[in-house]
């Protein structure tokens, strides 16, 4: 089987907040871990009010504290301003 991964932006839905977005990311990680996914990547984005994943180290700790087997990491593409 091909190892599968998820890339999560931790989006903040309209009317939602950061806590709800982080809880949804954690729930997603648990779901995909149960399905046998290998890695859960958290995308690092700054200056975007609809994205809760600016501090990836905190997001990783939050997700990793709930999971057992899936590997959790940060991913980012740095673009010139």
PDB file of N, CA and C in Angstrom:
ATOM      1  N   UNK A   1       0.835  -1.181   0.000  1.00  0.00           N
ATOM      2  CA  UNK A   1       0.000   0.000   0.000  1.00  0.00           C
ATOM      3  C   UNK A   1       0.886   1.252   0.000  1.00  0.00           C
ATOM      4  N   UNK A   2       0.475   2.238  -0.741  1.00  0.00           N
ATOM      5  CA  UNK A   2       1.199   3.509  -0.805  1.00  0.00           C
ATOM      6  C   UNK A   2       0.953   4.274   0.494  1.00  0.00           C
ATOM      7  N   UNK A   3       2.022   4.739   1.168  1.00  0.00           N
ATOM      8  CA  UNK A   3       1.804   5.514   2.395  1.00  0.00           C
ATOM      9  C   UNK A   3       1.125   6.847   2.085  1.00  0.00           C
ATOM     10  N   UNK A   4       0.081   7.147   2.808  1.00  0.00           N
ATOM     11  CA  UNK A   4      -0.679   8.374   2.580  1.00  0.00           C
ATOM     12  C   UNK A   4      -0.423   9.380   3.693  1.00  0.00           C
ATOM     13  N   UNK A   5      -0.529  10.656   3.331  1.00  0.00           N
ATOM     14  CA  UNK A   5      -0.344  11.757   4.274  1.00  0.00           C
ATOM     15  C   UNK A   5      -1.477  12.756   4.117  1.00  0.00           C
ATOM     16  N   UNK A   6      -1.627  13.604   5.117  1.00  0.00           N
ATOM     17  CA  UNK A   6      -2.589  14.703   5.078  1.00  0.00           C
ATOM     18  C   UNK A   6      -1.826  15.997   5.313  1.00  0.00           C
ATOM     19  N   UNK A   7      -2.186  17.038   4.568  1.00  0.00           N
ATOM     20  CA  UNK A   7      -1.660  18.381   4.802  1.00  0.00           C
ATOM     21  C   UNK A   7      -2.824  19.231   5.299  1.00  0.00           C
ATOM     22  N   UNK A   8      -2.722  19.720   6.518  1.00  0.00           N
ATOM     23  CA  UNK A   8      -3.818  20.458   7.148  1.00  0.00           C
ATOM     24  C   UNK A   8      -3.428  21.917   7.344  1.00  0.00           C
ATOM     25  N   UNK A   9      -4.328  22.810   7.004  1.00  0.00           N
ATOM     26  CA  UNK A   9      -4.126  24.247   7.199  1.00  0.00           C
ATOM     27  C   UNK A   9      -4.726  24.752   8.507  1.00  0.00           C
ATOM     28  N   UNK A  10      -5.460  23.925   9.203  1.00  0.00           N
ATOM     29  CA  UNK A  10      -6.197  24.342  10.404  1.00  0.00           C
ATOM     30  C   UNK A  10      -7.060  25.568  10.102  1.00  0.00           C
ATOM     31  N   UNK A  11      -7.975  25.444   9.131  1.00  0.00           N
ATOM     32  CA  UNK A  11      -8.795  26.599   8.759  1.00  0.00           C
ATOM     33  C   UNK A  11      -9.775  26.984   9.867  1.00  0.00           C
ATOM     34  N   UNK A  12      -9.981  28.275   9.991  1.00  0.00           N
ATOM     35  CA  UNK A  12     -10.979  28.802  10.923  1.00  0.00           C
ATOM     36  C   UNK A  12     -12.230  29.086  10.100  1.00  0.00           C
ATOM     37  N   UNK A  13     -13.287  28.343  10.360  1.00  0.00           N
ATOM     38  CA  UNK A  13     -14.513  28.525   9.586  1.00  0.00           C
ATOM     39  C   UNK A  13     -15.195  29.825  10.003  1.00  0.00           C
ATOM     40  N   UNK A  14     -16.027  30.329   9.119  1.00  0.00           N
ATOM     41  CA  UNK A  14     -16.739  31.578   9.410  1.00  0.00           C
ATOM     42  C   UNK A  14     -17.546  31.426  10.695  1.00  0.00           C
ATOM     43  N   UNK A  15     -17.351  32.361  11.597  1.00  0.00           N
ATOM     44  CA  UNK A  15     -18.028  32.308  12.885  1.00  0.00           C
ATOM     45  C   UNK A  15     -17.309  31.454  13.918  1.00  0.00           C
ATOM     46  N   UNK A  16     -16.218  30.808  13.511  1.00  0.00           N
ATOM     47  CA  UNK A  16     -15.463  29.952  14.421  1.00  0.00           C
ATOM     48  C   UNK A  16     -14.308  30.692  15.064  1.00  0.00           C
ATOM     49  N   UNK A  17     -13.496  29.949  15.791  1.00  0.00           N
ATOM     50  CA  UNK A  17     -12.338  30.541  16.448  1.00  0.00           C
ATOM     51  C   UNK A  17     -11.151  29.579  16.377  1.00  0.00           C
ATOM     52  N   UNK A  18     -10.018  30.032  16.878  1.00  0.00           N
ATOM     53  CA  UNK A  18      -8.789  29.235  16.813  1.00  0.00           C
ATOM     54  C   UNK A  18      -8.945  27.923  17.574  1.00  0.00           C
ATOM     55  N   UNK A  19      -9.542  27.963  18.747  1.00  0.00           N
ATOM     56  CA  UNK A  19      -9.700  26.746  19.550  1.00  0.00           C
ATOM     57  C   UNK A  19     -10.497  25.682  18.801  1.00  0.00           C
ATOM     58  N   UNK A  20     -11.551  26.099  18.128  1.00  0.00           N
ATOM     59  CA  UNK A  20     -12.369  25.163  17.358  1.00  0.00           C
ATOM     60  C   UNK A  20     -11.585  24.608  16.175  1.00  0.00           C
ATOM     61  N   UNK A  21     -10.803  25.456  15.511  1.00  0.00           N
ATOM     62  CA  UNK A  21      -9.985  25.008  14.383  1.00  0.00           C
ATOM     63  C   UNK A  21      -8.945  23.989  14.832  1.00  0.00           C
ATOM     64  N   UNK A  22      -8.305  24.231  15.967  1.00  0.00           N
ATOM     65  CA  UNK A  22      -7.300  23.291  16.467  1.00  0.00           C
ATOM     66  C   UNK A  22      -7.934  21.979  16.911  1.00  0.00           C
ATOM     67  N   UNK A  23      -9.119  22.047  17.485  1.00  0.00           N
ATOM     68  CA  UNK A  23      -9.838  20.827  17.859  1.00  0.00           C
ATOM     69  C   UNK A  23     -10.204  20.018  16.622  1.00  0.00           C
ATOM     70  N   UNK A  24     -10.590  20.697  15.548  1.00  0.00           N
ATOM     71  CA  UNK A  24     -10.920  20.010  14.297  1.00  0.00           C
ATOM     72  C   UNK A  24      -9.680  19.358  13.693  1.00  0.00           C
ATOM     73  N   UNK A  25      -8.532  20.017  13.779  1.00  0.00           N
ATOM     74  CA  UNK A  25      -7.285  19.432  13.277  1.00  0.00           C
ATOM     75  C   UNK A  25      -6.928  18.178  14.059  1.00  0.00           C
ATOM     76  N   UNK A  26      -7.086  18.262  15.354  1.00  0.00           N
ATOM     77  CA  UNK A  26      -6.803  17.105  16.209  1.00  0.00           C
ATOM     78  C   UNK A  26      -7.737  15.947  15.868  1.00  0.00           C
ATOM     79  N   UNK A  27      -9.016  16.236  15.677  1.00  0.00           N
ATOM     80  CA  UNK A  27      -9.986  15.201  15.309  1.00  0.00           C
ATOM     81  C   UNK A  27      -9.653  14.599  13.948  1.00  0.00           C
ATOM     82  N   UNK A  28      -9.243  15.444  12.999  1.00  0.00           N
ATOM     83  CA  UNK A  28      -8.852  14.947  11.681  1.00  0.00           C
ATOM     84  C   UNK A  28      -7.657  14.012  11.798  1.00  0.00           C
ATOM     85  N   UNK A  29      -6.669  14.394  12.592  1.00  0.00           N
ATOM     86  CA  UNK A  29      -5.487  13.546  12.775  1.00  0.00           C
ATOM     87  C   UNK A  29      -5.869  12.191  13.364  1.00  0.00           C
ATOM     88  N   UNK A  30      -6.760  12.186  14.324  1.00  0.00           N
ATOM     89  CA  UNK A  30      -7.209  10.922  14.916  1.00  0.00           C
ATOM     90  C   UNK A  30      -7.942  10.062  13.892  1.00  0.00           C
ATOM     91  N   UNK A  31      -8.770  10.692  13.064  1.00  0.00           N
ATOM     92  CA  UNK A  31      -9.503   9.950  12.034  1.00  0.00           C
ATOM     93  C   UNK A  31      -8.563   9.322  11.014  1.00  0.00           C
ATOM     94  N   UNK A  32      -7.615  10.106  10.508  1.00  0.00           N
ATOM     95  CA  UNK A  32      -6.735   9.556   9.470  1.00  0.00           C
ATOM     96  C   UNK A  32      -5.746   8.554  10.061  1.00  0.00           C
ATOM     97  N   UNK A  33      -5.373   8.722  11.320  1.00  0.00           N
ATOM     98  CA  UNK A  33      -4.529   7.720  11.982  1.00  0.00           C
ATOM     99  C   UNK A  33      -5.265   6.385  12.039  1.00  0.00           C
ATOM    100  N   UNK A  34      -6.531   6.434  12.402  1.00  0.00           N
ATOM    101  CA  UNK A  34      -7.357   5.229  12.469  1.00  0.00           C
ATOM    102  C   UNK A  34      -7.469   4.560  11.097  1.00  0.00           C
ATOM    103  N   UNK A  35      -7.441   5.364  10.034  1.00  0.00           N
ATOM    104  CA  UNK A  35      -7.532   4.830   8.673  1.00  0.00           C
ATOM    105  C   UNK A  35      -6.193   4.326   8.139  1.00  0.00           C
ATOM    106  N   UNK A  36      -5.121   4.511   8.907  1.00  0.00           N
ATOM    107  CA  UNK A  36      -3.827   3.987   8.500  1.00  0.00           C
ATOM    108  C   UNK A  36      -2.916   4.958   7.775  1.00  0.00           C
ATOM    109  N   UNK A  37      -3.259   6.229   7.787  1.00  0.00           N
ATOM    110  CA  UNK A  37      -2.376   7.216   7.159  1.00  0.00           C
ATOM    111  C   UNK A  37      -1.055   7.251   7.918  1.00  0.00           C
ATOM    112  N   UNK A  38       0.024   7.591   7.204  1.00  0.00           N
ATOM    113  CA  UNK A  38       1.363   7.552   7.785  1.00  0.00           C
ATOM    114  C   UNK A  38       1.777   8.869   8.432  1.00  0.00           C
ATOM    115  N   UNK A  39       1.442   9.998   7.771  1.00  0.00           N
ATOM    116  CA  UNK A  39       1.920  11.298   8.260  1.00  0.00           C
ATOM    117  C   UNK A  39       0.797  12.337   8.254  1.00  0.00           C
ATOM    118  N   UNK A  40       0.919  13.280   9.182  1.00  0.00           N
ATOM    119  CA  UNK A  40      -0.013  14.398   9.284  1.00  0.00           C
ATOM    120  C   UNK A  40       0.824  15.667   9.298  1.00  0.00           C
ATOM    121  N   UNK A  41       0.757  16.414   8.207  1.00  0.00           N
ATOM    122  CA  UNK A  41       1.538  17.641   8.069  1.00  0.00           C
ATOM    123  C   UNK A  41       0.664  18.837   8.407  1.00  0.00           C
ATOM    124  N   UNK A  42       1.229  19.790   9.121  1.00  0.00           N
ATOM    125  CA  UNK A  42       0.532  21.035   9.435  1.00  0.00           C
ATOM    126  C   UNK A  42       1.231  22.149   8.667  1.00  0.00           C
ATOM    127  N   UNK A  43       0.464  22.840   7.826  1.00  0.00           N
ATOM    128  CA  UNK A  43       1.024  23.901   6.984  1.00  0.00           C
ATOM    129  C   UNK A  43       1.198  25.176   7.799  1.00  0.00           C
ATOM    130  N   UNK A  44       2.330  25.811   7.632  1.00  0.00           N
ATOM    131  CA  UNK A  44       2.627  27.049   8.357  1.00  0.00           C
ATOM    132  C   UNK A  44       2.271  28.249   7.485  1.00  0.00           C
ATOM    133  N   UNK A  45       1.341  29.057   7.964  1.00  0.00           N
ATOM    134  CA  UNK A  45       0.935  30.269   7.258  1.00  0.00           C
ATOM    135  C   UNK A  45       0.858  31.413   8.257  1.00  0.00           C
ATOM    136  N   UNK A  46       1.367  32.562   7.858  1.00  0.00           N
ATOM    137  CA  UNK A  46       1.358  33.738   8.731  1.00  0.00           C
ATOM    138  C   UNK A  46       0.525  34.848   8.100  1.00  0.00           C
ATOM    139  N   UNK A  47      -0.063  35.679   8.934  1.00  0.00           N
ATOM    140  CA  UNK A  47      -0.783  36.847   8.453  1.00  0.00           C
ATOM    141  C   UNK A  47      -2.085  36.539   7.745  1.00  0.00           C
ATOM    142  N   UNK A  48      -2.657  35.379   7.998  1.00  0.00           N
ATOM    143  CA  UNK A  48      -3.930  35.015   7.379  1.00  0.00           C
ATOM    144  C   UNK A  48      -4.945  34.775   8.494  1.00  0.00           C
ATOM    145  N   UNK A  49      -5.920  35.649   8.642  1.00  0.00           N
ATOM    146  CA  UNK A  49      -6.856  35.523   9.758  1.00  0.00           C
ATOM    147  C   UNK A  49      -7.707  34.253   9.731  1.00  0.00           C
ATOM    148  N   UNK A  50      -7.828  33.605   8.605  1.00  0.00           N
ATOM    149  CA  UNK A  50      -8.637  32.392   8.507  1.00  0.00           C
ATOM    150  C   UNK A  50      -7.861  31.104   8.695  1.00  0.00           C
ATOM    151  N   UNK A  51      -6.589  31.200   9.073  1.00  0.00           N
ATOM    152  CA  UNK A  51      -5.739  30.020   9.248  1.00  0.00           C
ATOM    153  C   UNK A  51      -5.179  30.027  10.669  1.00  0.00           C
ATOM    154  N   UNK A  52      -5.318  28.900  11.376  1.00  0.00           N
ATOM    155  CA  UNK A  52      -4.887  28.826  12.780  1.00  0.00           C
ATOM    156  C   UNK A  52      -3.513  28.186  12.958  1.00  0.00           C
ATOM    157  N   UNK A  53      -2.803  27.930  11.865  1.00  0.00           N
ATOM    158  CA  UNK A  53      -1.558  27.162  11.985  1.00  0.00           C
ATOM    159  C   UNK A  53      -0.294  28.002  11.836  1.00  0.00           C
ATOM    160  N   UNK A  54      -0.291  29.226  12.335  1.00  0.00           N
ATOM    161  CA  UNK A  54       0.914  30.056  12.247  1.00  0.00           C
ATOM    162  C   UNK A  54       2.016  29.543  13.170  1.00  0.00           C
ATOM    163  N   UNK A  55       1.662  29.044  14.334  1.00  0.00           N
ATOM    164  CA  UNK A  55       2.643  28.511  15.286  1.00  0.00           C
ATOM    165  C   UNK A  55       2.616  26.989  15.204  1.00  0.00           C
ATOM    166  N   UNK A  56       3.316  26.456  14.200  1.00  0.00           N
ATOM    167  CA  UNK A  56       3.231  25.016  13.943  1.00  0.00           C
ATOM    168  C   UNK A  56       3.740  24.170  15.100  1.00  0.00           C
ATOM    169  N   UNK A  57       4.718  24.648  15.845  1.00  0.00           N
ATOM    170  CA  UNK A  57       5.224  23.837  16.961  1.00  0.00           C
ATOM    171  C   UNK A  57       4.122  23.587  17.997  1.00  0.00           C
ATOM    172  N   UNK A  58       3.277  24.571  18.227  1.00  0.00           N
ATOM    173  CA  UNK A  58       2.165  24.388  19.160  1.00  0.00           C
ATOM    174  C   UNK A  58       1.098  23.470  18.576  1.00  0.00           C
ATOM    175  N   UNK A  59       0.827  23.623  17.289  1.00  0.00           N
ATOM    176  CA  UNK A  59      -0.156  22.758  16.625  1.00  0.00           C
ATOM    177  C   UNK A  59       0.317  21.308  16.631  1.00  0.00           C
ATOM    178  N   UNK A  60       1.606  21.108  16.363  1.00  0.00           N
ATOM    179  CA  UNK A  60       2.171  19.754  16.365  1.00  0.00           C
ATOM    180  C   UNK A  60       2.026  19.131  17.750  1.00  0.00           C
ATOM    181  N   UNK A  61       2.365  19.874  18.793  1.00  0.00           N
ATOM    182  CA  UNK A  61       2.250  19.345  20.156  1.00  0.00           C
ATOM    183  C   UNK A  61       0.807  18.972  20.475  1.00  0.00           C
ATOM    184  N   UNK A  62      -0.131  19.801  20.033  1.00  0.00           N
ATOM    185  CA  UNK A  62      -1.551  19.547  20.288  1.00  0.00           C
ATOM    186  C   UNK A  62      -2.001  18.255  19.608  1.00  0.00           C
ATOM    187  N   UNK A  63      -1.619  18.069  18.352  1.00  0.00           N
ATOM    188  CA  UNK A  63      -2.015  16.876  17.600  1.00  0.00           C
ATOM    189  C   UNK A  63      -1.270  15.644  18.111  1.00  0.00           C
ATOM    190  N   UNK A  64       0.032  15.771  18.309  1.00  0.00           N
ATOM    191  CA  UNK A  64       0.838  14.621  18.723  1.00  0.00           C
ATOM    192  C   UNK A  64       0.438  14.105  20.103  1.00  0.00           C
ATOM    193  N   UNK A  65      -0.065  14.985  20.957  1.00  0.00           N
ATOM    194  CA  UNK A  65      -0.475  14.538  22.292  1.00  0.00           C
ATOM    195  C   UNK A  65      -1.700  13.626  22.246  1.00  0.00           C
ATOM    196  N   UNK A  66      -2.430  13.660  21.146  1.00  0.00           N
ATOM    197  CA  UNK A  66      -3.646  12.854  21.025  1.00  0.00           C
ATOM    198  C   UNK A  66      -3.445  11.593  20.192  1.00  0.00           C
ATOM    199  N   UNK A  67      -2.406  11.562  19.368  1.00  0.00           N
ATOM    200  CA  UNK A  67      -2.200  10.438  18.456  1.00  0.00           C
ATOM    201  C   UNK A  67      -1.133   9.497  19.002  1.00  0.00           C
ATOM    202  N   UNK A  68      -1.078   8.291  18.413  1.00  0.00           N
ATOM    203  CA  UNK A  68      -0.119   7.293  18.884  1.00  0.00           C
ATOM    204  C   UNK A  68       0.864   6.848  17.811  1.00  0.00           C
ATOM    205  N   UNK A  69       0.403   6.669  16.580  1.00  0.00           N
ATOM    206  CA  UNK A  69       1.266   6.059  15.559  1.00  0.00           C
ATOM    207  C   UNK A  69       1.591   6.971  14.387  1.00  0.00           C
ATOM    208  N   UNK A  70       0.758   7.947  14.121  1.00  0.00           N
ATOM    209  CA  UNK A  70       0.975   8.799  12.952  1.00  0.00           C
ATOM    210  C   UNK A  70       2.120   9.775  13.233  1.00  0.00           C
ATOM    211  N   UNK A  71       2.934  10.024  12.220  1.00  0.00           N
ATOM    212  CA  UNK A  71       4.025  10.990  12.359  1.00  0.00           C
ATOM    213  C   UNK A  71       3.477  12.377  12.062  1.00  0.00           C
ATOM    214  N   UNK A  72       3.818  13.337  12.903  1.00  0.00           N
ATOM    215  CA  UNK A  72       3.287  14.697  12.787  1.00  0.00           C
ATOM    216  C   UNK A  72       4.440  15.656  12.529  1.00  0.00           C
ATOM    217  N   UNK A  73       4.260  16.543  11.546  1.00  0.00           N
ATOM    218  CA  UNK A  73       5.316  17.494  11.233  1.00  0.00           C
ATOM    219  C   UNK A  73       4.760  18.763  10.614  1.00  0.00           C
ATOM    220  N   UNK A  74       5.660  19.716  10.376  1.00  0.00           N
ATOM    221  CA  UNK A  74       5.289  20.998   9.774  1.00  0.00           C
ATOM    222  C   UNK A  74       5.807  21.061   8.351  1.00  0.00           C
ATOM    223  N   UNK A  75       5.050  21.716   7.515  1.00  0.00           N
ATOM    224  CA  UNK A  75       5.468  21.920   6.135  1.00  0.00           C
ATOM    225  C   UNK A  75       5.193  23.349   5.733  1.00  0.00           C
ATOM    226  N   UNK A  76       6.075  23.900   4.936  1.00  0.00           N
ATOM    227  CA  UNK A  76       5.869  25.268   4.485  1.00  0.00           C
ATOM    228  C   UNK A  76       6.618  25.543   3.210  1.00  0.00           C
ATOM    229  N   UNK A  77       6.102  26.451   2.443  1.00  0.00           N
ATOM    230  CA  UNK A  77       6.770  26.928   1.234  1.00  0.00           C
ATOM    231  C   UNK A  77       6.952  28.419   1.425  1.00  0.00           C
ATOM    232  N   UNK A  78       8.173  28.857   1.408  1.00  0.00           N
ATOM    233  CA  UNK A  78       8.455  30.269   1.613  1.00  0.00           C
ATOM    234  C   UNK A  78       8.433  30.995   0.271  1.00  0.00           C
ATOM    235  N   UNK A  79       7.544  31.953   0.148  1.00  0.00           N
ATOM    236  CA  UNK A  79       7.403  32.731  -1.075  1.00  0.00           C
ATOM    237  C   UNK A  79       7.917  34.145  -0.834  1.00  0.00           C
ATOM    238  N   UNK A  80       8.492  34.753  -1.853  1.00  0.00           N
ATOM    239  CA  UNK A  80       8.934  36.132  -1.672  1.00  0.00           C
ATOM    240  C   UNK A  80       7.727  37.055  -1.508  1.00  0.00           C
ATOM    241  N   UNK A  81       7.901  38.091  -0.727  1.00  0.00           N
ATOM    242  CA  UNK A  81       6.800  39.045  -0.495  1.00  0.00           C
ATOM    243  C   UNK A  81       6.619  39.955  -1.680  1.00  0.00           C
TER     244      UNK A  81
END
